[in-house]
Protein backbone atom coordinates (compact mmCIF):
# COMPACT_ATOMS: atom_id res chain seq x y z
CA MET A 1 121.74 202.05 323.81
CA GLU A 2 118.39 202.80 322.23
CA ILE A 3 120.14 203.99 319.05
CA LYS A 4 122.09 200.70 318.80
CA LYS A 5 118.87 198.69 319.13
CA TYR A 6 117.21 200.84 316.49
CA LEU A 7 120.13 200.38 314.06
CA ALA A 8 120.17 196.62 314.66
CA LEU A 9 116.45 196.35 313.90
CA LEU A 10 116.84 198.51 310.80
CA LEU A 11 119.70 196.32 309.52
CA ALA A 12 117.73 193.11 310.14
CA GLY A 13 114.73 194.53 308.27
CA THR A 14 116.90 195.52 305.31
CA LEU A 15 118.44 192.03 305.11
CA MET A 16 115.01 190.35 305.17
CA PHE A 17 113.74 192.65 302.41
CA SER A 18 116.83 191.91 300.24
CA MET A 19 116.41 188.15 300.68
CA ALA A 20 112.75 188.41 299.68
CA ILE A 21 113.70 190.14 296.42
CA VAL A 22 116.26 187.45 295.53
CA VAL A 23 113.82 184.62 296.28
CA SER A 24 111.09 186.33 294.26
CA ALA A 25 113.42 186.74 291.27
CA SER A 26 114.46 183.10 291.51
CA GLU A 27 110.87 181.89 291.48
CA SER A 28 109.83 184.19 288.64
CA TYR A 29 112.37 183.18 286.02
CA GLY A 30 112.45 179.40 286.05
CA ASN A 31 115.21 176.83 286.43
CA GLU A 32 116.37 175.24 283.18
CA SER A 33 118.18 172.01 284.05
CA TRP A 34 119.84 171.37 280.70
CA SER A 35 123.57 171.89 280.55
CA GLY A 36 125.57 173.47 277.77
CA ASN A 37 128.97 172.32 279.03
CA SER A 38 128.67 168.60 278.37
CA THR A 39 130.73 169.02 275.20
CA SER A 40 134.46 169.44 274.91
CA ASP A 41 134.10 172.19 272.29
CA SER A 42 135.85 175.34 273.49
CA SER A 43 132.99 177.46 272.16
CA TYR A 44 130.71 176.07 274.88
CA GLU A 45 133.04 176.31 277.88
CA GLY A 46 131.27 179.45 279.12
CA TYR A 47 127.94 177.69 279.53
CA SER A 48 126.70 177.08 283.05
CA GLU A 49 125.19 173.96 284.59
CA GLY A 50 121.49 174.74 284.66
CA ASN A 51 120.35 178.26 285.49
CA SER A 52 122.96 179.61 287.90
CA THR A 53 121.15 182.95 288.02
CA SER A 54 118.41 181.40 290.12
CA GLU A 55 120.98 180.31 292.69
CA ALA A 56 122.81 183.60 292.96
CA GLY A 57 119.87 185.95 292.41
CA VAL A 58 118.93 187.76 289.22
CA SER A 59 119.98 191.33 288.54
CA VAL A 60 117.25 193.71 287.46
CA ALA A 61 119.15 194.44 284.21
CA THR A 62 119.40 190.74 283.31
CA ALA A 63 115.77 190.03 284.18
CA SER A 64 114.65 193.04 282.15
CA ALA A 65 116.78 192.07 279.12
CA ALA A 66 115.48 188.51 279.23
CA GLN A 67 111.88 189.70 279.44
CA GLU A 68 112.43 192.08 276.52
CA ALA A 69 113.81 189.17 274.46
CA GLY A 70 110.81 187.01 275.41
CA LYS A 71 113.10 184.51 277.12
CA SER A 72 113.64 183.03 280.55
CA VAL A 73 116.80 184.19 282.30
CA GLY A 74 118.41 180.79 281.64
CA GLU A 75 117.70 181.04 277.91
CA TYR A 76 118.97 184.61 277.82
CA ASN A 77 122.21 183.86 279.66
CA ASN A 78 122.93 180.76 277.53
CA ASN A 79 122.03 182.32 274.14
CA ALA A 80 119.53 179.53 273.75
CA VAL A 81 115.91 178.69 273.05
CA THR A 82 114.62 175.85 275.21
CA GLY A 83 110.88 176.43 274.98
CA THR A 84 109.11 177.29 271.73
CA PRO A 85 105.48 178.37 271.22
CA GLY A 86 103.53 175.63 269.45
CA LEU A 87 105.99 172.85 270.34
CA THR A 88 105.39 170.69 273.40
CA SER A 89 108.82 169.04 273.53
CA ALA A 90 111.35 171.21 271.70
CA ILE A 91 115.02 170.22 271.81
CA PRO A 92 117.04 173.22 273.07
CA VAL A 93 119.08 175.11 270.48
CA ALA A 94 122.07 177.23 271.53
CA GLN A 95 125.06 178.83 269.84
CA GLY A 96 128.33 179.32 271.67
CA GLY A 97 130.47 181.15 269.14
CA GLY A 98 133.37 180.04 266.97
CA VAL A 99 131.39 180.64 263.77
CA VAL A 100 133.49 179.98 260.66
CA ILE A 101 132.93 182.99 258.38
CA ASP A 102 133.83 182.42 254.72
CA GLY A 103 136.33 179.71 255.66
CA THR A 104 137.95 181.55 258.60
CA LYS A 105 137.24 180.59 262.22
CA THR A 106 136.24 183.63 264.25
CA ASN A 107 135.14 184.48 267.77
CA GLN A 108 131.74 185.53 266.41
CA SER A 109 128.56 184.06 267.82
CA PHE A 110 125.09 184.20 266.31
CA THR A 111 122.13 185.19 268.46
CA VAL A 112 119.45 182.53 268.95
CA SER A 113 115.97 184.00 269.48
CA LYS A 114 112.45 182.60 269.63
CA ALA A 115 110.47 182.20 266.42
CA ALA A 116 106.91 183.47 266.07
CA LEU A 117 104.02 181.04 266.45
CA ASN A 118 102.99 181.37 262.79
CA GLN A 119 106.56 180.47 261.76
CA VAL A 120 106.49 177.41 264.03
CA ASN A 121 103.15 176.33 262.56
CA SER A 122 104.56 176.75 259.06
CA ALA A 123 107.57 174.61 260.02
CA LYS A 124 105.23 171.92 261.36
CA ALA A 125 103.45 171.85 258.00
CA GLN A 126 106.83 171.51 256.26
CA ALA A 127 107.75 168.64 258.59
CA THR A 128 104.45 166.90 257.86
CA ALA A 129 105.19 167.11 254.14
CA LEU A 130 108.54 165.40 254.85
CA ASN A 131 106.91 162.83 257.16
CA GLY A 132 109.17 164.27 259.84
CA THR A 133 109.09 165.94 263.25
CA VAL A 134 110.05 169.51 264.16
CA LEU A 135 112.78 169.51 266.81
CA ASN A 136 112.82 173.30 267.19
CA VAL A 137 112.37 176.54 265.25
CA VAL A 138 114.61 179.52 266.04
CA ASN A 139 115.40 182.96 264.68
CA ILE A 140 119.11 183.52 264.01
CA SER A 141 120.69 186.98 263.83
CA GLY A 142 124.15 188.50 264.08
CA SER A 143 126.30 191.56 263.47
CA VAL A 144 128.68 190.42 260.71
CA SER A 145 128.13 190.00 256.98
CA PHE A 146 129.11 186.77 255.24
CA ASN A 147 128.75 184.71 252.11
CA THR A 148 128.82 181.40 253.98
CA ALA A 149 128.85 180.83 257.73
CA ASN A 150 129.54 177.38 259.14
CA VAL A 151 127.61 177.41 262.42
CA ASN A 152 127.74 174.86 265.23
CA TYR A 153 124.39 174.62 267.03
CA TYR A 154 124.38 172.93 270.42
CA MET A 155 121.31 170.68 270.73
CA PRO A 156 121.51 168.54 273.89
CA GLY A 157 119.83 165.19 273.39
CA ILE A 158 120.88 164.66 269.79
CA THR A 159 122.75 161.34 269.59
CA GLY A 160 124.35 161.84 266.19
CA THR A 161 122.46 158.96 264.60
CA GLU A 162 119.38 160.99 263.62
CA ASN A 163 118.62 162.15 260.10
CA ILE A 164 118.22 165.89 260.69
CA GLN A 165 117.41 168.34 257.94
CA VAL A 166 117.49 172.10 258.41
CA TYR A 167 115.29 174.54 256.51
CA GLN A 168 115.36 178.33 256.38
CA LEU A 169 112.27 180.46 255.89
CA ALA A 170 112.68 182.82 252.94
CA GLY A 171 109.84 184.63 251.22
CA GLY A 172 107.28 182.40 252.88
CA GLN A 173 108.98 179.22 251.61
CA TRP A 174 111.22 176.73 253.41
CA THR A 175 114.59 176.35 251.68
CA PRO A 176 117.02 173.52 252.55
CA VAL A 177 120.18 174.53 254.40
CA THR A 178 123.30 172.41 254.02
CA VAL A 179 123.91 170.26 257.10
CA THR A 180 127.63 169.55 257.26
CA GLU A 181 127.63 167.36 260.38
CA VAL A 182 125.34 165.79 262.95
CA ARG A 183 127.04 164.41 266.05
CA ALA A 184 126.19 163.93 269.71
CA ASP A 185 124.56 167.18 270.96
CA HIS A 186 125.47 169.14 267.81
CA VAL A 187 124.04 170.03 264.41
CA ILE A 188 126.41 172.00 262.18
CA VAL A 189 125.13 173.88 259.14
CA ASP A 190 126.28 176.21 256.37
CA MET A 191 124.18 179.38 256.32
CA THR A 192 124.20 182.01 253.58
CA SER A 193 122.04 184.53 255.44
CA TYR A 194 120.41 185.17 258.81
CA GLY A 195 116.82 184.11 259.35
CA VAL A 196 114.42 181.56 260.81
CA LEU A 197 115.69 177.97 260.91
CA ALA A 198 113.63 174.81 261.40
CA PHE A 199 115.43 171.70 262.63
CA ILE A 200 113.44 168.68 261.38
CA GLN A 201 114.10 165.02 262.05
CA VAL A 202 113.08 162.84 259.10
CA PRO A 203 112.94 159.03 258.72
């Protein structure tokens, strides 16, 4: 009988400890409330409503990878940047795949990472010169080579009526990138190389 009581107490203690870890992980990694599945585009169907990791608990591997990338777990899981150093109200930028490489639609996705503070400050200076406002600045990378990549960036909150220009940082200078379409929640651009992009709304 004593052994059964001991085992029951041990099991209860283990459960309490496990729950404490899950709660701690949930509190540590934030709860983004933006949703990446409000579009009908198939490339965004995998996005979750908010940060589901906080509801189900965060694995150590995911939390570690997010921390290494300098992102919250929600940003990491959604291949997005929602908060940017130097910007108080950045519009989230995400990429869900379906990149058109040299005229052919692929299942490739480009990785969206945070830009450095000095790059953000440089983008703000560029926006001032245009009498515009920086929406976000992100670093784009990938694993495939291309001459031209038509990339659909998911930016929740864009109505499609804004005049949005995109610039890429190259050799310390901001070079215009061709914007092929602006529609509700999306800005689509033609890129000729990976790098830092600034999304700027101009009058």
